Amino acid sequence: MRKPRDFDAELQALTDKAKALKSKKQGQLGELVIATGADAVSIEQLAGALIEAVSADAARKETWRKSGAAFFGGNGSGSRKGAGGNAGGASASGTGAQPPPGEAGAA
């Protein structure tokens, strides 16, 4: 006779795994912000850049994707290997890192 499945235990295990994955993703995003130098901008600037990146047209997103791929491939100025699956995040964070040089020139 087969042993009955413990659905509650399986559900709890899946819930724990989902929490662990979410925590890992947040950590990787934080590392990405630091690796790109985007931690040097204010939180408001970074949030604004990310909001614009989400609503950008496909051509700009593709340009940012290529820049992010180059960053992770070691061709970028701050070459650091990271989570290759977050290339879209790299391009969005790269956008956030752009305002400071413009501000530095204006100041």
PDB file of N, CA and C in Angstrom:
ATOM      1  N   MET A   1       0.840  -1.177   0.000  1.00  0.00           N
ATOM      2  CA  MET A   1       0.000   0.000   0.000  1.00  0.00           C
ATOM      3  C   MET A   1       0.890   1.246   0.000  1.00  0.00           C
ATOM      4  N   ARG A   2       0.492   2.244  -0.800  1.00  0.00           N
ATOM      5  CA  ARG A   2       1.267   3.482  -0.904  1.00  0.00           C
ATOM      6  C   ARG A   2       1.029   4.381   0.296  1.00  0.00           C
ATOM      7  N   LYS A   3       2.060   5.105   0.628  1.00  0.00           N
ATOM      8  CA  LYS A   3       1.976   6.070   1.723  1.00  0.00           C
ATOM      9  C   LYS A   3       1.301   7.339   1.191  1.00  0.00           C
ATOM     10  N   PRO A   4       0.335   7.891   1.907  1.00  0.00           N
ATOM     11  CA  PRO A   4      -0.333   9.109   1.425  1.00  0.00           C
ATOM     12  C   PRO A   4       0.630  10.305   1.420  1.00  0.00           C
ATOM     13  N   ARG A   5       0.420  11.202   0.460  1.00  0.00           N
ATOM     14  CA  ARG A   5       1.263  12.395   0.341  1.00  0.00           C
ATOM     15  C   ARG A   5       0.879  13.406   1.416  1.00  0.00           C
ATOM     16  N   ASP A   6       1.862  14.075   1.921  1.00  0.00           N
ATOM     17  CA  ASP A   6       1.639  15.138   2.910  1.00  0.00           C
ATOM     18  C   ASP A   6       1.649  16.474   2.160  1.00  0.00           C
ATOM     19  N   PHE A   7       0.463  16.884   1.710  1.00  0.00           N
ATOM     20  CA  PHE A   7       0.360  18.098   0.900  1.00  0.00           C
ATOM     21  C   PHE A   7       0.763  19.345   1.690  1.00  0.00           C
ATOM     22  N   ASP A   8       0.466  19.373   2.972  1.00  0.00           N
ATOM     23  CA  ASP A   8       0.842  20.530   3.781  1.00  0.00           C
ATOM     24  C   ASP A   8       2.357  20.692   3.849  1.00  0.00           C
ATOM     25  N   ALA A   9       3.058  19.599   4.021  1.00  0.00           N
ATOM     26  CA  ALA A   9       4.519  19.654   4.080  1.00  0.00           C
ATOM     27  C   ALA A   9       5.094  20.064   2.724  1.00  0.00           C
ATOM     28  N   GLU A  10       4.532  19.550   1.648  1.00  0.00           N
ATOM     29  CA  GLU A  10       5.004  19.924   0.310  1.00  0.00           C
ATOM     30  C   GLU A  10       4.750  21.402   0.037  1.00  0.00           C
ATOM     31  N   LEU A  11       3.582  21.885   0.429  1.00  0.00           N
ATOM     32  CA  LEU A  11       3.252  23.297   0.234  1.00  0.00           C
ATOM     33  C   LEU A  11       4.192  24.178   1.049  1.00  0.00           C
ATOM     34  N   GLN A  12       4.488  23.774   2.273  1.00  0.00           N
ATOM     35  CA  GLN A  12       5.407  24.545   3.112  1.00  0.00           C
ATOM     36  C   GLN A  12       6.803  24.558   2.497  1.00  0.00           C
ATOM     37  N   ALA A  13       7.241  23.434   1.961  1.00  0.00           N
ATOM     38  CA  ALA A  13       8.559  23.366   1.320  1.00  0.00           C
ATOM     39  C   ALA A  13       8.616  24.289   0.104  1.00  0.00           C
ATOM     40  N   LEU A  14       7.554  24.303  -0.683  1.00  0.00           N
ATOM     41  CA  LEU A  14       7.513  25.201  -1.847  1.00  0.00           C
ATOM     42  C   LEU A  14       7.494  26.663  -1.425  1.00  0.00           C
ATOM     43  N   THR A  15       6.768  26.975  -0.377  1.00  0.00           N
ATOM     44  CA  THR A  15       6.711  28.345   0.136  1.00  0.00           C
ATOM     45  C   THR A  15       8.087  28.794   0.615  1.00  0.00           C
ATOM     46  N   ASP A  16       8.775  27.905   1.337  1.00  0.00           N
ATOM     47  CA  ASP A  16      10.124  28.216   1.813  1.00  0.00           C
ATOM     48  C   ASP A  16      11.088  28.432   0.649  1.00  0.00           C
ATOM     49  N   LYS A  17      10.958  27.602  -0.386  1.00  0.00           N
ATOM     50  CA  LYS A  17      11.829  27.737  -1.558  1.00  0.00           C
ATOM     51  C   LYS A  17      11.552  29.059  -2.276  1.00  0.00           C
ATOM     52  N   ALA A  18      10.289  29.441  -2.395  1.00  0.00           N
ATOM     53  CA  ALA A  18       9.932  30.707  -3.047  1.00  0.00           C
ATOM     54  C   ALA A  18      10.505  31.890  -2.271  1.00  0.00           C
ATOM     55  N   LYS A  19      10.434  31.843  -0.947  1.00  0.00           N
ATOM     56  CA  LYS A  19      10.999  32.917  -0.126  1.00  0.00           C
ATOM     57  C   LYS A  19      12.503  33.005  -0.307  1.00  0.00           C
ATOM     58  N   ALA A  20      13.162  31.851  -0.347  1.00  0.00           N
ATOM     59  CA  ALA A  20      14.612  31.832  -0.526  1.00  0.00           C
ATOM     60  C   ALA A  20      15.008  32.401  -1.889  1.00  0.00           C
ATOM     61  N   LEU A  21      14.254  32.052  -2.930  1.00  0.00           N
ATOM     62  CA  LEU A  21      14.542  32.580  -4.269  1.00  0.00           C
ATOM     63  C   LEU A  21      14.327  34.087  -4.332  1.00  0.00           C
ATOM     64  N   LYS A  22      13.273  34.569  -3.692  1.00  0.00           N
ATOM     65  CA  LYS A  22      13.000  36.009  -3.670  1.00  0.00           C
ATOM     66  C   LYS A  22      14.114  36.748  -2.943  1.00  0.00           C
ATOM     67  N   SER A  23      14.569  36.203  -1.840  1.00  0.00           N
ATOM     68  CA  SER A  23      15.648  36.806  -1.077  1.00  0.00           C
ATOM     69  C   SER A  23      16.942  36.833  -1.895  1.00  0.00           C
ATOM     70  N   LYS A  24      17.220  35.745  -2.591  1.00  0.00           N
ATOM     71  CA  LYS A  24      18.419  35.676  -3.432  1.00  0.00           C
ATOM     72  C   LYS A  24      18.356  36.718  -4.556  1.00  0.00           C
ATOM     73  N   LYS A  25      17.171  36.846  -5.161  1.00  0.00           N
ATOM     74  CA  LYS A  25      16.998  37.824  -6.239  1.00  0.00           C
ATOM     75  C   LYS A  25      17.219  39.245  -5.722  1.00  0.00           C
ATOM     76  N   GLN A  26      16.687  39.560  -4.559  1.00  0.00           N
ATOM     77  CA  GLN A  26      16.880  40.886  -3.984  1.00  0.00           C
ATOM     78  C   GLN A  26      18.355  41.147  -3.709  1.00  0.00           C
ATOM     79  N   GLY A  27      19.044  40.154  -3.196  1.00  0.00           N
ATOM     80  CA  GLY A  27      20.470  40.302  -2.950  1.00  0.00           C
ATOM     81  C   GLY A  27      21.251  40.554  -4.224  1.00  0.00           C
ATOM     82  N   GLN A  28      20.900  39.817  -5.279  1.00  0.00           N
ATOM     83  CA  GLN A  28      21.578  39.990  -6.562  1.00  0.00           C
ATOM     84  C   GLN A  28      21.306  41.371  -7.143  1.00  0.00           C
ATOM     85  N   LEU A  29      20.079  41.870  -6.991  1.00  0.00           N
ATOM     86  CA  LEU A  29      19.770  43.207  -7.489  1.00  0.00           C
ATOM     87  C   LEU A  29      20.562  44.268  -6.726  1.00  0.00           C
ATOM     88  N   GLY A  30      20.699  44.075  -5.423  1.00  0.00           N
ATOM     89  CA  GLY A  30      21.515  44.995  -4.634  1.00  0.00           C
ATOM     90  C   GLY A  30      22.966  44.974  -5.071  1.00  0.00           C
ATOM     91  N   GLU A  31      23.497  43.773  -5.314  1.00  0.00           N
ATOM     92  CA  GLU A  31      24.871  43.653  -5.797  1.00  0.00           C
ATOM     93  C   GLU A  31      25.028  44.327  -7.160  1.00  0.00           C
ATOM     94  N   LEU A  32      24.019  44.203  -7.995  1.00  0.00           N
ATOM     95  CA  LEU A  32      24.058  44.817  -9.323  1.00  0.00           C
ATOM     96  C   LEU A  32      24.102  46.338  -9.219  1.00  0.00           C
ATOM     97  N   VAL A  33      23.302  46.887  -8.331  1.00  0.00           N
ATOM     98  CA  VAL A  33      23.294  48.339  -8.133  1.00  0.00           C
ATOM     99  C   VAL A  33      24.687  48.804  -7.704  1.00  0.00           C
ATOM    100  N   ILE A  34      25.307  48.081  -6.799  1.00  0.00           N
ATOM    101  CA  ILE A  34      26.641  48.449  -6.321  1.00  0.00           C
ATOM    102  C   ILE A  34      27.685  48.265  -7.421  1.00  0.00           C
ATOM    103  N   ALA A  35      27.622  47.144  -8.140  1.00  0.00           N
ATOM    104  CA  ALA A  35      28.615  46.853  -9.184  1.00  0.00           C
ATOM    105  C   ALA A  35      28.583  47.872 -10.314  1.00  0.00           C
ATOM    106  N   THR A  36      27.409  48.392 -10.637  1.00  0.00           N
ATOM    107  CA  THR A  36      27.302  49.370 -11.722  1.00  0.00           C
ATOM    108  C   THR A  36      27.623  50.785 -11.266  1.00  0.00           C
ATOM    109  N   GLY A  37      27.752  50.975  -9.963  1.00  0.00           N
ATOM    110  CA  GLY A  37      28.020  52.316  -9.443  1.00  0.00           C
ATOM    111  C   GLY A  37      26.751  53.121  -9.229  1.00  0.00           C
ATOM    112  N   ALA A  38      25.591  52.488  -9.415  1.00  0.00           N
ATOM    113  CA  ALA A  38      24.323  53.196  -9.265  1.00  0.00           C
ATOM    114  C   ALA A  38      24.016  53.518  -7.807  1.00  0.00           C
ATOM    115  N   ASP A  39      24.777  52.962  -6.886  1.00  0.00           N
ATOM    116  CA  ASP A  39      24.568  53.287  -5.474  1.00  0.00           C
ATOM    117  C   ASP A  39      25.065  54.686  -5.142  1.00  0.00           C
ATOM    118  N   ALA A  40      25.759  55.324  -6.081  1.00  0.00           N
ATOM    119  CA  ALA A  40      26.260  56.668  -5.870  1.00  0.00           C
ATOM    120  C   ALA A  40      25.189  57.733  -6.143  1.00  0.00           C
ATOM    121  N   VAL A  41      24.100  57.342  -6.785  1.00  0.00           N
ATOM    122  CA  VAL A  41      23.023  58.304  -7.064  1.00  0.00           C
ATOM    123  C   VAL A  41      21.979  58.209  -5.966  1.00  0.00           C
ATOM    124  N   SER A  42      21.176  59.252  -5.864  1.00  0.00           N
ATOM    125  CA  SER A  42      20.135  59.247  -4.834  1.00  0.00           C
ATOM    126  C   SER A  42      19.090  58.190  -5.167  1.00  0.00           C
ATOM    127  N   ILE A  43      18.392  57.749  -4.164  1.00  0.00           N
ATOM    128  CA  ILE A  43      17.370  56.725  -4.345  1.00  0.00           C
ATOM    129  C   ILE A  43      16.256  57.239  -5.254  1.00  0.00           C
ATOM    130  N   GLU A  44      15.966  58.530  -5.180  1.00  0.00           N
ATOM    131  CA  GLU A  44      14.933  59.109  -6.035  1.00  0.00           C
ATOM    132  C   GLU A  44      15.352  59.079  -7.502  1.00  0.00           C
ATOM    133  N   GLN A  45      16.629  59.410  -7.772  1.00  0.00           N
ATOM    134  CA  GLN A  45      17.132  59.372  -9.143  1.00  0.00           C
ATOM    135  C   GLN A  45      17.115  57.951  -9.687  1.00  0.00           C
ATOM    136  N   LEU A  46      17.543  57.012  -8.876  1.00  0.00           N
ATOM    137  CA  LEU A  46      17.577  55.622  -9.306  1.00  0.00           C
ATOM    138  C   LEU A  46      16.169  55.112  -9.594  1.00  0.00           C
ATOM    139  N   ALA A  47      15.236  55.433  -8.709  1.00  0.00           N
ATOM    140  CA  ALA A  47      13.853  55.007  -8.923  1.00  0.00           C
ATOM    141  C   ALA A  47      13.289  55.637 -10.191  1.00  0.00           C
ATOM    142  N   GLY A  48      13.554  56.912 -10.410  1.00  0.00           N
ATOM    143  CA  GLY A  48      13.076  57.585 -11.615  1.00  0.00           C
ATOM    144  C   GLY A  48      13.651  56.976 -12.881  1.00  0.00           C
ATOM    145  N   ALA A  49      14.945  56.658 -12.846  1.00  0.00           N
ATOM    146  CA  ALA A  49      15.581  56.043 -14.011  1.00  0.00           C
ATOM    147  C   ALA A  49      14.992  54.666 -14.290  1.00  0.00           C
ATOM    148  N   LEU A  50      14.745  53.904 -13.245  1.00  0.00           N
ATOM    149  CA  LEU A  50      14.170  52.564 -13.426  1.00  0.00           C
ATOM    150  C   LEU A  50      12.744  52.648 -13.955  1.00  0.00           C
ATOM    151  N   ILE A  51      11.982  53.612 -13.469  1.00  0.00           N
ATOM    152  CA  ILE A  51      10.608  53.786 -13.960  1.00  0.00           C
ATOM    153  C   ILE A  51      10.623  54.130 -15.439  1.00  0.00           C
ATOM    154  N   GLU A  52      11.529  55.020 -15.846  1.00  0.00           N
ATOM    155  CA  GLU A  52      11.632  55.367 -17.271  1.00  0.00           C
ATOM    156  C   GLU A  52      12.107  54.177 -18.092  1.00  0.00           C
ATOM    157  N   ALA A  53      12.998  53.385 -17.541  1.00  0.00           N
ATOM    158  CA  ALA A  53      13.514  52.221 -18.260  1.00  0.00           C
ATOM    159  C   ALA A  53      12.406  51.210 -18.535  1.00  0.00           C
ATOM    160  N   VAL A  54      11.511  51.058 -17.601  1.00  0.00           N
ATOM    161  CA  VAL A  54      10.400  50.115 -17.779  1.00  0.00           C
ATOM    162  C   VAL A  54       9.491  50.552 -18.919  1.00  0.00           C
ATOM    163  N   SER A  55       9.298  51.864 -19.070  1.00  0.00           N
ATOM    164  CA  SER A  55       8.381  52.354 -20.095  1.00  0.00           C
ATOM    165  C   SER A  55       9.089  52.767 -21.386  1.00  0.00           C
ATOM    166  N   ALA A  56      10.379  52.489 -21.505  1.00  0.00           N
ATOM    167  CA  ALA A  56      11.134  52.878 -22.695  1.00  0.00           C
ATOM    168  C   ALA A  56      10.735  52.029 -23.903  1.00  0.00           C
ATOM    169  N   ASP A  57      11.045  52.576 -25.096  1.00  0.00           N
ATOM    170  CA  ASP A  57      10.730  51.837 -26.320  1.00  0.00           C
ATOM    171  C   ASP A  57      11.704  50.670 -26.508  1.00  0.00           C
ATOM    172  N   ALA A  58      11.339  49.765 -27.386  1.00  0.00           N
ATOM    173  CA  ALA A  58      12.090  48.526 -27.589  1.00  0.00           C
ATOM    174  C   ALA A  58      13.519  48.784 -28.072  1.00  0.00           C
ATOM    175  N   ALA A  59      13.708  49.790 -28.897  1.00  0.00           N
ATOM    176  CA  ALA A  59      15.050  50.072 -29.420  1.00  0.00           C
ATOM    177  C   ALA A  59      15.999  50.494 -28.297  1.00  0.00           C
ATOM    178  N   ARG A  60      15.521  51.345 -27.401  1.00  0.00           N
ATOM    179  CA  ARG A  60      16.367  51.773 -26.279  1.00  0.00           C
ATOM    180  C   ARG A  60      16.668  50.589 -25.361  1.00  0.00           C
ATOM    181  N   LYS A  61      15.654  49.756 -25.123  1.00  0.00           N
ATOM    182  CA  LYS A  61      15.867  48.593 -24.265  1.00  0.00           C
ATOM    183  C   LYS A  61      16.900  47.652 -24.868  1.00  0.00           C
ATOM    184  N   GLU A  62      16.877  47.497 -26.177  1.00  0.00           N
ATOM    185  CA  GLU A  62      17.857  46.626 -26.839  1.00  0.00           C
ATOM    186  C   GLU A  62      19.262  47.209 -26.704  1.00  0.00           C
ATOM    187  N   THR A  63      19.403  48.524 -26.830  1.00  0.00           N
ATOM    188  CA  THR A  63      20.701  49.173 -26.647  1.00  0.00           C
ATOM    189  C   THR A  63      21.203  48.945 -25.227  1.00  0.00           C
ATOM    190  N   TRP A  64      20.316  49.095 -24.252  1.00  0.00           N
ATOM    191  CA  TRP A  64      20.684  48.876 -22.851  1.00  0.00           C
ATOM    192  C   TRP A  64      21.026  47.410 -22.602  1.00  0.00           C
ATOM    193  N   ARG A  65      20.305  46.501 -23.267  1.00  0.00           N
ATOM    194  CA  ARG A  65      20.588  45.084 -23.097  1.00  0.00           C
ATOM    195  C   ARG A  65      21.993  44.762 -23.572  1.00  0.00           C
ATOM    196  N   LYS A  66      22.373  45.329 -24.726  1.00  0.00           N
ATOM    197  CA  LYS A  66      23.714  45.094 -25.261  1.00  0.00           C
ATOM    198  C   LYS A  66      24.776  45.661 -24.333  1.00  0.00           C
ATOM    199  N   SER A  67      24.513  46.834 -23.781  1.00  0.00           N
ATOM    200  CA  SER A  67      25.443  47.438 -22.837  1.00  0.00           C
ATOM    201  C   SER A  67      25.581  46.565 -21.590  1.00  0.00           C
ATOM    202  N   GLY A  68      24.466  46.047 -21.110  1.00  0.00           N
ATOM    203  CA  GLY A  68      24.490  45.158 -19.947  1.00  0.00           C
ATOM    204  C   GLY A  68      25.216  43.865 -20.237  1.00  0.00           C
ATOM    205  N   ALA A  69      25.003  43.313 -21.426  1.00  0.00           N
ATOM    206  CA  ALA A  69      25.697  42.077 -21.806  1.00  0.00           C
ATOM    207  C   ALA A  69      27.206  42.317 -21.874  1.00  0.00           C
ATOM    208  N   ALA A  70      27.608  43.470 -22.383  1.00  0.00           N
ATOM    209  CA  ALA A  70      29.025  43.803 -22.438  1.00  0.00           C
ATOM    210  C   ALA A  70      29.589  43.954 -21.030  1.00  0.00           C
ATOM    211  N   PHE A  71      28.812  44.531 -20.123  1.00  0.00           N
ATOM    212  CA  PHE A  71      29.237  44.688 -18.735  1.00  0.00           C
ATOM    213  C   PHE A  71      29.506  43.334 -18.102  1.00  0.00           C
ATOM    214  N   PHE A  72      28.579  42.394 -18.283  1.00  0.00           N
ATOM    215  CA  PHE A  72      28.736  41.074 -17.697  1.00  0.00           C
ATOM    216  C   PHE A  72      29.775  40.245 -18.430  1.00  0.00           C
ATOM    217  N   GLY A  73      30.022  40.566 -19.695  1.00  0.00           N
ATOM    218  CA  GLY A  73      31.009  39.830 -20.464  1.00  0.00           C
ATOM    219  C   GLY A  73      32.429  40.285 -20.193  1.00  0.00           C
ATOM    220  N   GLY A  74      32.588  41.317 -19.395  1.00  0.00           N
ATOM    221  CA  GLY A  74      33.919  41.808 -19.081  1.00  0.00           C
ATOM    222  C   GLY A  74      34.358  42.924 -19.992  1.00  0.00           C
ATOM    223  N   ASN A  75      33.486  43.356 -20.918  1.00  0.00           N
ATOM    224  CA  ASN A  75      33.845  44.430 -21.838  1.00  0.00           C
ATOM    225  C   ASN A  75      33.473  45.800 -21.292  1.00  0.00           C
ATOM    226  N   GLY A  76      32.737  45.823 -20.170  1.00  0.00           N
ATOM    227  CA  GLY A  76      32.308  47.084 -19.578  1.00  0.00           C
ATOM    228  C   GLY A  76      33.394  47.689 -18.720  1.00  0.00           C
ATOM    229  N   SER A  77      33.196  48.934 -18.298  1.00  0.00           N
ATOM    230  CA  SER A  77      34.200  49.621 -17.505  1.00  0.00           C
ATOM    231  C   SER A  77      34.349  49.007 -16.121  1.00  0.00           C
ATOM    232  N   GLY A  78      33.265  48.472 -15.568  1.00  0.00           N
ATOM    233  CA  GLY A  78      33.333  47.857 -14.248  1.00  0.00           C
ATOM    234  C   GLY A  78      33.125  46.366 -14.354  1.00  0.00           C
ATOM    235  N   SER A  79      33.912  45.711 -15.194  1.00  0.00           N
ATOM    236  CA  SER A  79      33.654  44.301 -15.485  1.00  0.00           C
ATOM    237  C   SER A  79      33.654  43.460 -14.219  1.00  0.00           C
ATOM    238  N   ARG A  80      32.503  42.894 -13.950  1.00  0.00           N
ATOM    239  CA  ARG A  80      32.329  41.988 -12.825  1.00  0.00           C
ATOM    240  C   ARG A  80      31.332  40.938 -13.242  1.00  0.00           C
ATOM    241  N   LYS A  81      31.690  39.708 -13.066  1.00  0.00           N
ATOM    242  CA  LYS A  81      30.775  38.622 -13.421  1.00  0.00           C
ATOM    243  C   LYS A  81      29.614  38.635 -12.445  1.00  0.00           C
ATOM    244  N   GLY A  82      28.404  38.428 -12.981  1.00  0.00           N
ATOM    245  CA  GLY A  82      27.237  38.422 -12.118  1.00  0.00           C
ATOM    246  C   GLY A  82      26.185  37.496 -12.665  1.00  0.00           C
ATOM    247  N   ALA A  83      24.964  37.710 -12.263  1.00  0.00           N
ATOM    248  CA  ALA A  83      23.845  36.884 -12.708  1.00  0.00           C
ATOM    249  C   ALA A  83      23.495  37.260 -14.131  1.00  0.00           C
ATOM    250  N   GLY A  84      23.860  36.424 -15.084  1.00  0.00           N
ATOM    251  CA  GLY A  84      23.599  36.703 -16.489  1.00  0.00           C
ATOM    252  C   GLY A  84      22.124  36.774 -16.795  1.00  0.00           C
ATOM    253  N   GLY A  85      21.276  36.165 -15.981  1.00  0.00           N
ATOM    254  CA  GLY A  85      19.842  36.180 -16.212  1.00  0.00           C
ATOM    255  C   GLY A  85      19.220  37.534 -15.945  1.00  0.00           C
ATOM    256  N   ASN A  86      19.965  38.449 -15.360  1.00  0.00           N
ATOM    257  CA  ASN A  86      19.422  39.754 -15.041  1.00  0.00           C
ATOM    258  C   ASN A  86      19.950  40.820 -15.989  1.00  0.00           C
ATOM    259  N   ALA A  87      20.173  40.463 -17.233  1.00  0.00           N
ATOM    260  CA  ALA A  87      20.702  41.431 -18.193  1.00  0.00           C
ATOM    261  C   ALA A  87      19.770  42.614 -18.338  1.00  0.00           C
ATOM    262  N   GLY A  88      18.478  42.411 -18.280  1.00  0.00           N
ATOM    263  CA  GLY A  88      17.537  43.520 -18.353  1.00  0.00           C
ATOM    264  C   GLY A  88      17.707  44.440 -17.165  1.00  0.00           C
ATOM    265  N   GLY A  89      17.957  43.884 -16.011  1.00  0.00           N
ATOM    266  CA  GLY A  89      18.201  44.689 -14.820  1.00  0.00           C
ATOM    267  C   GLY A  89      19.486  45.476 -14.942  1.00  0.00           C
ATOM    268  N   ALA A  90      20.474  44.894 -15.587  1.00  0.00           N
ATOM    269  CA  ALA A  90      21.738  45.581 -15.750  1.00  0.00           C
ATOM    270  C   ALA A  90      21.556  46.812 -16.607  1.00  0.00           C
ATOM    271  N   SER A  91      20.759  46.714 -17.652  1.00  0.00           N
ATOM    272  CA  SER A  91      20.568  47.864 -18.506  1.00  0.00           C
ATOM    273  C   SER A  91      19.772  48.938 -17.795  1.00  0.00           C
ATOM    274  N   ALA A  92      18.804  48.552 -17.004  1.00  0.00           N
ATOM    275  CA  ALA A  92      18.008  49.537 -16.282  1.00  0.00           C
ATOM    276  C   ALA A  92      18.872  50.228 -15.238  1.00  0.00           C
ATOM    277  N   SER A  93      19.717  49.481 -14.541  1.00  0.00           N
ATOM    278  CA  SER A  93      20.579  50.091 -13.540  1.00  0.00           C
ATOM    279  C   SER A  93      21.637  50.952 -14.213  1.00  0.00           C
ATOM    280  N   GLY A  94      22.078  50.536 -15.394  1.00  0.00           N
ATOM    281  CA  GLY A  94      23.026  51.347 -16.134  1.00  0.00           C
ATOM    282  C   GLY A  94      22.448  52.708 -16.449  1.00  0.00           C
ATOM    283  N   THR A  95      21.149  52.760 -16.682  1.00  0.00           N
ATOM    284  CA  THR A  95      20.477  54.025 -16.920  1.00  0.00           C
ATOM    285  C   THR A  95      20.544  54.887 -15.687  1.00  0.00           C
ATOM    286  N   GLY A  96      20.357  54.286 -14.537  1.00  0.00           N
ATOM    287  CA  GLY A  96      20.399  55.011 -13.282  1.00  0.00           C
ATOM    288  C   GLY A  96      21.789  55.559 -13.015  1.00  0.00           C
ATOM    289  N   ALA A  97      22.798  54.918 -13.555  1.00  0.00           N
ATOM    290  CA  ALA A  97      24.152  55.348 -13.309  1.00  0.00           C
ATOM    291  C   ALA A  97      24.552  56.501 -14.220  1.00  0.00           C
ATOM    292  N   GLN A  98      23.767  56.818 -15.235  1.00  0.00           N
ATOM    293  CA  GLN A  98      24.132  57.869 -16.176  1.00  0.00           C
ATOM    294  C   GLN A  98      23.965  59.296 -15.644  1.00  0.00           C
ATOM    295  N   PRO A  99      22.930  59.634 -14.851  1.00  0.00           N
ATOM    296  CA  PRO A  99      22.745  61.019 -14.445  1.00  0.00           C
ATOM    297  C   PRO A  99      23.896  61.665 -13.706  1.00  0.00           C
ATOM    298  N   PRO A 100      24.656  60.981 -12.799  1.00  0.00           N
ATOM    299  CA  PRO A 100      25.687  61.677 -12.059  1.00  0.00           C
ATOM    300  C   PRO A 100      26.728  62.377 -12.915  1.00  0.00           C
ATOM    301  N   PRO A 101      27.278  61.757 -14.002  1.00  0.00           N
ATOM    302  CA  PRO A 101      28.248  62.502 -14.810  1.00  0.00           C
ATOM    303  C   PRO A 101      27.668  63.783 -15.391  1.00  0.00           C
ATOM    304  N   GLY A 102      26.412  63.750 -15.809  1.00  0.00           N
ATOM    305  CA  GLY A 102      25.759  64.946 -16.334  1.00  0.00           C
ATOM    306  C   GLY A 102      25.609  66.009 -15.244  1.00  0.00           C
ATOM    307  N   GLU A 103      25.286  65.559 -14.047  1.00  0.00           N
ATOM    308  CA  GLU A 103      25.155  66.481 -12.937  1.00  0.00           C
ATOM    309  C   GLU A 103      26.513  67.042 -12.545  1.00  0.00           C
ATOM    310  N   ALA A 104      27.540  66.194 -12.608  1.00  0.00           N
ATOM    311  CA  ALA A 104      28.875  66.636 -12.237  1.00  0.00           C
ATOM    312  C   ALA A 104      29.356  67.729 -13.194  1.00  0.00           C
ATOM    313  N   GLY A 105      29.020  67.584 -14.483  1.00  0.00           N
ATOM    314  CA  GLY A 105      29.396  68.596 -15.452  1.00  0.00           C
ATOM    315  C   GLY A 105      28.604  69.873 -15.286  1.00  0.00           C
ATOM    316  N   ALA A 106      27.360  69.755 -14.812  1.00  0.00           N
ATOM    317  CA  ALA A 106      26.504  70.917 -14.650  1.00  0.00           C
ATOM    318  C   ALA A 106      26.835  71.657 -13.363  1.00  0.00           C
ATOM    319  N   ALA A 107      27.417  70.960 -12.388  1.00  0.00           N
ATOM    320  CA  ALA A 107      27.658  71.586 -11.092  1.00  0.00           C
ATOM    321  C   ALA A 107      28.888  72.434 -11.062  1.00  0.00           C
TER     322      ALA A 107
END
